[in-house]
């Protein structure tokens, strides 16, 4: 899973940090820090955090959707 936050869009509302605290954290009042490669165990929390971002600053590959088989590992 790959996670990207557009820090130019992020306004520091911290909804992501509230919903997925193992992945997102606020450093100070407005600076967001995050893990760009979270574990798959965080999938459900990340899906909620992505959906809750009021400015849609968070994107994640493979947060939601069907399970992918081993053939997907090589990009097919």
PDB file of N, CA and C in Angstrom:
ATOM      1  N   UNK A   1       0.853  -1.164   0.000  1.00  0.00           N
ATOM      2  CA  UNK A   1       0.000   0.000   0.000  1.00  0.00           C
ATOM      3  C   UNK A   1       0.903   1.233   0.000  1.00  0.00           C
ATOM      4  N   UNK A   2       0.524   2.219  -0.811  1.00  0.00           N
ATOM      5  CA  UNK A   2       1.283   3.466  -0.900  1.00  0.00           C
ATOM      6  C   UNK A   2       0.350   4.629  -0.572  1.00  0.00           C
ATOM      7  N   UNK A   3       0.825   5.527   0.252  1.00  0.00           N
ATOM      8  CA  UNK A   3       0.027   6.645   0.730  1.00  0.00           C
ATOM      9  C   UNK A   3       0.717   7.946   0.342  1.00  0.00           C
ATOM     10  N   UNK A   4      -0.068   8.895  -0.181  1.00  0.00           N
ATOM     11  CA  UNK A   4       0.468  10.206  -0.548  1.00  0.00           C
ATOM     12  C   UNK A   4      -0.464  11.275   0.007  1.00  0.00           C
ATOM     13  N   UNK A   5       0.126  12.283   0.643  1.00  0.00           N
ATOM     14  CA  UNK A   5      -0.635  13.431   1.125  1.00  0.00           C
ATOM     15  C   UNK A   5      -0.104  14.663   0.396  1.00  0.00           C
ATOM     16  N   UNK A   6      -1.004  15.390  -0.239  1.00  0.00           N
ATOM     17  CA  UNK A   6      -0.633  16.660  -0.872  1.00  0.00           C
ATOM     18  C   UNK A   6      -0.568  17.702   0.243  1.00  0.00           C
ATOM     19  N   UNK A   7       0.639  17.977   0.701  1.00  0.00           N
ATOM     20  CA  UNK A   7       0.811  18.885   1.831  1.00  0.00           C
ATOM     21  C   UNK A   7       0.484  20.331   1.468  1.00  0.00           C
ATOM     22  N   UNK A   8       0.384  20.629   0.172  1.00  0.00           N
ATOM     23  CA  UNK A   8      -0.056  21.956  -0.241  1.00  0.00           C
ATOM     24  C   UNK A   8      -1.565  22.114  -0.050  1.00  0.00           C
ATOM     25  N   UNK A   9      -2.301  21.008  -0.149  1.00  0.00           N
ATOM     26  CA  UNK A   9      -3.749  21.025   0.069  1.00  0.00           C
ATOM     27  C   UNK A   9      -4.115  20.895   1.539  1.00  0.00           C
ATOM     28  N   UNK A  10      -3.315  20.129   2.280  1.00  0.00           N
ATOM     29  CA  UNK A  10      -3.619  19.844   3.686  1.00  0.00           C
ATOM     30  C   UNK A  10      -3.773  21.141   4.478  1.00  0.00           C
ATOM     31  N   UNK A  11      -4.872  21.232   5.222  1.00  0.00           N
ATOM     32  CA  UNK A  11      -5.159  22.416   6.027  1.00  0.00           C
ATOM     33  C   UNK A  11      -5.028  22.144   7.532  1.00  0.00           C
ATOM     34  N   UNK A  12      -4.586  20.944   7.899  1.00  0.00           N
ATOM     35  CA  UNK A  12      -4.357  20.625   9.300  1.00  0.00           C
ATOM     36  C   UNK A  12      -5.601  20.353  10.113  1.00  0.00           C
ATOM     37  N   UNK A  13      -6.660  19.873   9.463  1.00  0.00           N
ATOM     38  CA  UNK A  13      -7.882  19.556  10.203  1.00  0.00           C
ATOM     39  C   UNK A  13      -7.704  18.342  11.116  1.00  0.00           C
ATOM     40  N   UNK A  14      -6.741  17.484  10.839  1.00  0.00           N
ATOM     41  CA  UNK A  14      -6.344  16.340  11.671  1.00  0.00           C
ATOM     42  C   UNK A  14      -7.369  15.213  11.743  1.00  0.00           C
ATOM     43  N   UNK A  15      -8.314  15.178  10.844  1.00  0.00           N
ATOM     44  CA  UNK A  15      -9.259  14.062  10.825  1.00  0.00           C
ATOM     45  C   UNK A  15      -8.527  12.747  10.579  1.00  0.00           C
ATOM     46  N   UNK A  16      -7.518  12.780   9.728  1.00  0.00           N
ATOM     47  CA  UNK A  16      -6.741  11.574   9.434  1.00  0.00           C
ATOM     48  C   UNK A  16      -6.011  11.078  10.683  1.00  0.00           C
ATOM     49  N   UNK A  17      -5.419  12.008  11.438  1.00  0.00           N
ATOM     50  CA  UNK A  17      -4.692  11.632  12.655  1.00  0.00           C
ATOM     51  C   UNK A  17      -5.628  11.051  13.702  1.00  0.00           C
ATOM     52  N   UNK A  18      -6.862  11.518  13.733  1.00  0.00           N
ATOM     53  CA  UNK A  18      -7.854  10.995  14.667  1.00  0.00           C
ATOM     54  C   UNK A  18      -8.281   9.578  14.256  1.00  0.00           C
ATOM     55  N   UNK A  19      -8.462   9.351  12.943  1.00  0.00           N
ATOM     56  CA  UNK A  19      -8.972   8.066  12.459  1.00  0.00           C
ATOM     57  C   UNK A  19      -7.896   7.000  12.259  1.00  0.00           C
ATOM     58  N   UNK A  20      -6.666   7.411  11.998  1.00  0.00           N
ATOM     59  CA  UNK A  20      -5.574   6.449  11.795  1.00  0.00           C
ATOM     60  C   UNK A  20      -4.310   6.963  12.495  1.00  0.00           C
ATOM     61  N   UNK A  21      -4.323   6.973  13.821  1.00  0.00           N
ATOM     62  CA  UNK A  21      -3.206   7.565  14.574  1.00  0.00           C
ATOM     63  C   UNK A  21      -1.881   6.823  14.434  1.00  0.00           C
ATOM     64  N   UNK A  22      -1.902   5.568  13.991  1.00  0.00           N
ATOM     65  CA  UNK A  22      -0.655   4.835  13.778  1.00  0.00           C
ATOM     66  C   UNK A  22       0.019   5.238  12.475  1.00  0.00           C
ATOM     67  N   UNK A  23      -0.700   5.964  11.610  1.00  0.00           N
ATOM     68  CA  UNK A  23      -0.175   6.361  10.307  1.00  0.00           C
ATOM     69  C   UNK A  23       0.037   7.868  10.225  1.00  0.00           C
ATOM     70  N   UNK A  24      -0.877   8.646  10.778  1.00  0.00           N
ATOM     71  CA  UNK A  24      -0.827  10.106  10.697  1.00  0.00           C
ATOM     72  C   UNK A  24      -0.637  10.713  12.084  1.00  0.00           C
ATOM     73  N   UNK A  25       0.090  11.825  12.135  1.00  0.00           N
ATOM     74  CA  UNK A  25       0.247  12.560  13.389  1.00  0.00           C
ATOM     75  C   UNK A  25       0.459  14.032  13.066  1.00  0.00           C
ATOM     76  N   UNK A  26      -0.049  14.867  13.929  1.00  0.00           N
ATOM     77  CA  UNK A  26       0.171  16.303  13.789  1.00  0.00           C
ATOM     78  C   UNK A  26       1.422  16.665  14.577  1.00  0.00           C
ATOM     79  N   UNK A  27       2.285  17.408  13.942  1.00  0.00           N
ATOM     80  CA  UNK A  27       3.504  17.913  14.579  1.00  0.00           C
ATOM     81  C   UNK A  27       3.314  19.415  14.725  1.00  0.00           C
ATOM     82  N   UNK A  28       2.989  19.834  15.918  1.00  0.00           N
ATOM     83  CA  UNK A  28       2.628  21.230  16.118  1.00  0.00           C
ATOM     84  C   UNK A  28       1.168  21.438  15.750  1.00  0.00           C
ATOM     85  N   UNK A  29       0.808  22.658  15.432  1.00  0.00           N
ATOM     86  CA  UNK A  29      -0.588  22.972  15.132  1.00  0.00           C
ATOM     87  C   UNK A  29      -1.012  22.624  13.713  1.00  0.00           C
ATOM     88  N   UNK A  30      -0.104  22.732  12.749  1.00  0.00           N
ATOM     89  CA  UNK A  30      -0.519  22.578  11.358  1.00  0.00           C
ATOM     90  C   UNK A  30       0.335  21.647  10.523  1.00  0.00           C
ATOM     91  N   UNK A  31       1.372  21.055  11.044  1.00  0.00           N
ATOM     92  CA  UNK A  31       2.280  20.224  10.266  1.00  0.00           C
ATOM     93  C   UNK A  31       1.933  18.740  10.423  1.00  0.00           C
ATOM     94  N   UNK A  32       1.627  18.103   9.302  1.00  0.00           N
ATOM     95  CA  UNK A  32       1.266  16.688   9.315  1.00  0.00           C
ATOM     96  C   UNK A  32       2.474  15.827   8.980  1.00  0.00           C
ATOM     97  N   UNK A  33       2.680  14.765   9.743  1.00  0.00           N
ATOM     98  CA  UNK A  33       3.671  13.743   9.424  1.00  0.00           C
ATOM     99  C   UNK A  33       2.908  12.443   9.246  1.00  0.00           C
ATOM    100  N   UNK A  34       3.401  11.588   8.330  1.00  0.00           N
ATOM    101  CA  UNK A  34       2.693  10.342   8.056  1.00  0.00           C
ATOM    102  C   UNK A  34       3.642   9.283   7.537  1.00  0.00           C
ATOM    103  N   UNK A  35       3.204   8.049   7.610  1.00  0.00           N
ATOM    104  CA  UNK A  35       3.943   6.901   7.099  1.00  0.00           C
ATOM    105  C   UNK A  35       3.480   6.653   5.667  1.00  0.00           C
ATOM    106  N   UNK A  36       4.341   6.855   4.661  1.00  0.00           N
ATOM    107  CA  UNK A  36       3.912   6.683   3.273  1.00  0.00           C
ATOM    108  C   UNK A  36       3.714   5.224   2.858  1.00  0.00           C
ATOM    109  N   UNK A  37       4.157   4.285   3.688  1.00  0.00           N
ATOM    110  CA  UNK A  37       3.997   2.871   3.361  1.00  0.00           C
ATOM    111  C   UNK A  37       3.437   2.077   4.524  1.00  0.00           C
ATOM    112  N   UNK A  38       2.202   2.377   4.929  1.00  0.00           N
ATOM    113  CA  UNK A  38       1.634   1.694   6.103  1.00  0.00           C
ATOM    114  C   UNK A  38       1.352   0.216   5.839  1.00  0.00           C
ATOM    115  N   UNK A  39       1.242  -0.526   6.914  1.00  0.00           N
ATOM    116  CA  UNK A  39       0.925  -1.952   6.834  1.00  0.00           C
ATOM    117  C   UNK A  39      -0.493  -2.164   6.341  1.00  0.00           C
ATOM    118  N   UNK A  40      -0.739  -3.309   5.731  1.00  0.00           N
ATOM    119  CA  UNK A  40      -2.070  -3.647   5.241  1.00  0.00           C
ATOM    120  C   UNK A  40      -3.096  -3.761   6.367  1.00  0.00           C
ATOM    121  N   UNK A  41      -2.638  -3.976   7.598  1.00  0.00           N
ATOM    122  CA  UNK A  41      -3.568  -4.048   8.723  1.00  0.00           C
ATOM    123  C   UNK A  41      -4.282  -2.713   8.935  1.00  0.00           C
ATOM    124  N   UNK A  42      -3.716  -1.643   8.414  1.00  0.00           N
ATOM    125  CA  UNK A  42      -4.295  -0.313   8.569  1.00  0.00           C
ATOM    126  C   UNK A  42      -5.319   0.012   7.484  1.00  0.00           C
ATOM    127  N   UNK A  43      -5.578  -0.910   6.580  1.00  0.00           N
ATOM    128  CA  UNK A  43      -6.420  -0.672   5.401  1.00  0.00           C
ATOM    129  C   UNK A  43      -7.768  -0.007   5.732  1.00  0.00           C
ATOM    130  N   UNK A  44      -8.499  -0.548   6.688  1.00  0.00           N
ATOM    131  CA  UNK A  44      -9.827  -0.016   7.012  1.00  0.00           C
ATOM    132  C   UNK A  44      -9.735   1.394   7.599  1.00  0.00           C
ATOM    133  N   UNK A  45      -8.804   1.591   8.514  1.00  0.00           N
ATOM    134  CA  UNK A  45      -8.624   2.920   9.106  1.00  0.00           C
ATOM    135  C   UNK A  45      -8.200   3.940   8.054  1.00  0.00           C
ATOM    136  N   UNK A  46      -7.329   3.526   7.134  1.00  0.00           N
ATOM    137  CA  UNK A  46      -6.884   4.436   6.083  1.00  0.00           C
ATOM    138  C   UNK A  46      -8.016   4.809   5.145  1.00  0.00           C
ATOM    139  N   UNK A  47      -8.861   3.857   4.822  1.00  0.00           N
ATOM    140  CA  UNK A  47     -10.007   4.153   3.955  1.00  0.00           C
ATOM    141  C   UNK A  47     -10.891   5.210   4.608  1.00  0.00           C
ATOM    142  N   UNK A  48     -11.084   5.111   5.910  1.00  0.00           N
ATOM    143  CA  UNK A  48     -11.887   6.107   6.631  1.00  0.00           C
ATOM    144  C   UNK A  48     -11.189   7.461   6.660  1.00  0.00           C
ATOM    145  N   UNK A  49      -9.877   7.459   6.867  1.00  0.00           N
ATOM    146  CA  UNK A  49      -9.122   8.710   6.910  1.00  0.00           C
ATOM    147  C   UNK A  49      -9.128   9.407   5.556  1.00  0.00           C
ATOM    148  N   UNK A  50      -8.960   8.646   4.480  1.00  0.00           N
ATOM    149  CA  UNK A  50      -8.988   9.221   3.133  1.00  0.00           C
ATOM    150  C   UNK A  50     -10.353   9.852   2.870  1.00  0.00           C
ATOM    151  N   UNK A  51     -11.413   9.150   3.227  1.00  0.00           N
ATOM    152  CA  UNK A  51     -12.769   9.646   2.997  1.00  0.00           C
ATOM    153  C   UNK A  51     -13.085  10.859   3.871  1.00  0.00           C
ATOM    154  N   UNK A  52     -12.485  10.948   5.049  1.00  0.00           N
ATOM    155  CA  UNK A  52     -12.809  12.023   5.986  1.00  0.00           C
ATOM    156  C   UNK A  52     -12.052  13.319   5.728  1.00  0.00           C
ATOM    157  N   UNK A  53     -11.034  13.291   4.894  1.00  0.00           N
ATOM    158  CA  UNK A  53     -10.251  14.507   4.658  1.00  0.00           C
ATOM    159  C   UNK A  53     -11.124  15.561   3.981  1.00  0.00           C
ATOM    160  N   UNK A  54     -11.369  16.701   4.638  1.00  0.00           N
ATOM    161  CA  UNK A  54     -12.267  17.704   4.088  1.00  0.00           C
ATOM    162  C   UNK A  54     -11.762  18.364   2.807  1.00  0.00           C
ATOM    163  N   UNK A  55     -10.450  18.324   2.575  1.00  0.00           N
ATOM    164  CA  UNK A  55      -9.902  18.956   1.368  1.00  0.00           C
ATOM    165  C   UNK A  55      -9.378  17.927   0.368  1.00  0.00           C
ATOM    166  N   UNK A  56      -9.635  16.655   0.627  1.00  0.00           N
ATOM    167  CA  UNK A  56      -9.235  15.546  -0.243  1.00  0.00           C
ATOM    168  C   UNK A  56      -7.744  15.591  -0.579  1.00  0.00           C
ATOM    169  N   UNK A  57      -6.928  15.762   0.449  1.00  0.00           N
ATOM    170  CA  UNK A  57      -5.484  15.854   0.283  1.00  0.00           C
ATOM    171  C   UNK A  57      -4.795  14.499   0.298  1.00  0.00           C
ATOM    172  N   UNK A  58      -5.521  13.441   0.672  1.00  0.00           N
ATOM    173  CA  UNK A  58      -4.912  12.124   0.847  1.00  0.00           C
ATOM    174  C   UNK A  58      -5.333  11.192  -0.275  1.00  0.00           C
ATOM    175  N   UNK A  59      -4.351  10.523  -0.866  1.00  0.00           N
ATOM    176  CA  UNK A  59      -4.642   9.467  -1.826  1.00  0.00           C
ATOM    177  C   UNK A  59      -3.871   8.224  -1.402  1.00  0.00           C
ATOM    178  N   UNK A  60      -4.455   7.081  -1.666  1.00  0.00           N
ATOM    179  CA  UNK A  60      -3.824   5.824  -1.302  1.00  0.00           C
ATOM    180  C   UNK A  60      -4.105   4.789  -2.370  1.00  0.00           C
ATOM    181  N   UNK A  61      -3.080   4.067  -2.765  1.00  0.00           N
ATOM    182  CA  UNK A  61      -3.239   2.951  -3.686  1.00  0.00           C
ATOM    183  C   UNK A  61      -3.637   1.731  -2.881  1.00  0.00           C
ATOM    184  N   UNK A  62      -4.644   1.036  -3.323  1.00  0.00           N
ATOM    185  CA  UNK A  62      -5.088  -0.221  -2.713  1.00  0.00           C
ATOM    186  C   UNK A  62      -5.699  -0.055  -1.335  1.00  0.00           C
ATOM    187  N   UNK A  63      -6.289   1.094  -1.024  1.00  0.00           N
ATOM    188  CA  UNK A  63      -6.968   1.242   0.266  1.00  0.00           C
ATOM    189  C   UNK A  63      -8.297   0.520   0.225  1.00  0.00           C
ATOM    190  N   UNK A  64      -9.019   0.646  -0.856  1.00  0.00           N
ATOM    191  CA  UNK A  64     -10.304  -0.021  -0.992  1.00  0.00           C
ATOM    192  C   UNK A  64     -10.332  -0.736  -2.324  1.00  0.00           C
ATOM    193  N   UNK A  65     -11.146  -1.742  -2.405  1.00  0.00           N
ATOM    194  CA  UNK A  65     -11.259  -2.469  -3.660  1.00  0.00           C
ATOM    195  C   UNK A  65     -11.065  -3.942  -3.449  1.00  0.00           C
ATOM    196  N   UNK A  66     -11.198  -4.703  -4.521  1.00  0.00           N
ATOM    197  CA  UNK A  66     -11.091  -6.146  -4.396  1.00  0.00           C
ATOM    198  C   UNK A  66      -9.675  -6.578  -4.035  1.00  0.00           C
ATOM    199  N   UNK A  67      -9.607  -7.698  -3.383  1.00  0.00           N
ATOM    200  CA  UNK A  67      -8.310  -8.275  -3.082  1.00  0.00           C
ATOM    201  C   UNK A  67      -7.623  -8.642  -4.380  1.00  0.00           C
ATOM    202  N   UNK A  68      -6.342  -8.387  -4.436  1.00  0.00           N
ATOM    203  CA  UNK A  68      -5.596  -8.658  -5.648  1.00  0.00           C
ATOM    204  C   UNK A  68      -4.720  -9.876  -5.423  1.00  0.00           C
ATOM    205  N   UNK A  69      -4.630 -10.685  -6.437  1.00  0.00           N
ATOM    206  CA  UNK A  69      -3.837 -11.903  -6.356  1.00  0.00           C
ATOM    207  C   UNK A  69      -2.366 -11.637  -6.594  1.00  0.00           C
ATOM    208  N   UNK A  70      -1.528 -12.672  -6.529  1.00  0.00           N
ATOM    209  CA  UNK A  70      -0.073 -12.515  -6.675  1.00  0.00           C
ATOM    210  C   UNK A  70       0.318 -11.980  -8.061  1.00  0.00           C
ATOM    211  N   UNK A  71      -0.519 -12.216  -9.078  1.00  0.00           N
ATOM    212  CA  UNK A  71      -0.189 -11.729 -10.414  1.00  0.00           C
ATOM    213  C   UNK A  71      -0.176 -10.205 -10.472  1.00  0.00           C
ATOM    214  N   UNK A  72      -0.838  -9.536  -9.532  1.00  0.00           N
ATOM    215  CA  UNK A  72      -0.875  -8.074  -9.525  1.00  0.00           C
ATOM    216  C   UNK A  72       0.470  -7.491  -9.067  1.00  0.00           C
ATOM    217  N   UNK A  73       1.301  -8.279  -8.434  1.00  0.00           N
ATOM    218  CA  UNK A  73       2.572  -7.775  -7.934  1.00  0.00           C
ATOM    219  C   UNK A  73       3.497  -7.324  -9.055  1.00  0.00           C
ATOM    220  N   UNK A  74       3.343  -7.903 -10.250  1.00  0.00           N
ATOM    221  CA  UNK A  74       4.201  -7.499 -11.347  1.00  0.00           C
ATOM    222  C   UNK A  74       3.547  -6.472 -12.249  1.00  0.00           C
ATOM    223  N   UNK A  75       2.443  -5.842 -11.781  1.00  0.00           N
ATOM    224  CA  UNK A  75       1.810  -4.763 -12.496  1.00  0.00           C
ATOM    225  C   UNK A  75       0.747  -5.177 -13.484  1.00  0.00           C
ATOM    226  N   UNK A  76       0.416  -6.435 -13.576  1.00  0.00           N
ATOM    227  CA  UNK A  76      -0.639  -6.879 -14.501  1.00  0.00           C
ATOM    228  C   UNK A  76      -1.984  -6.853 -13.858  1.00  0.00           C
TER     229      UNK A  76
END
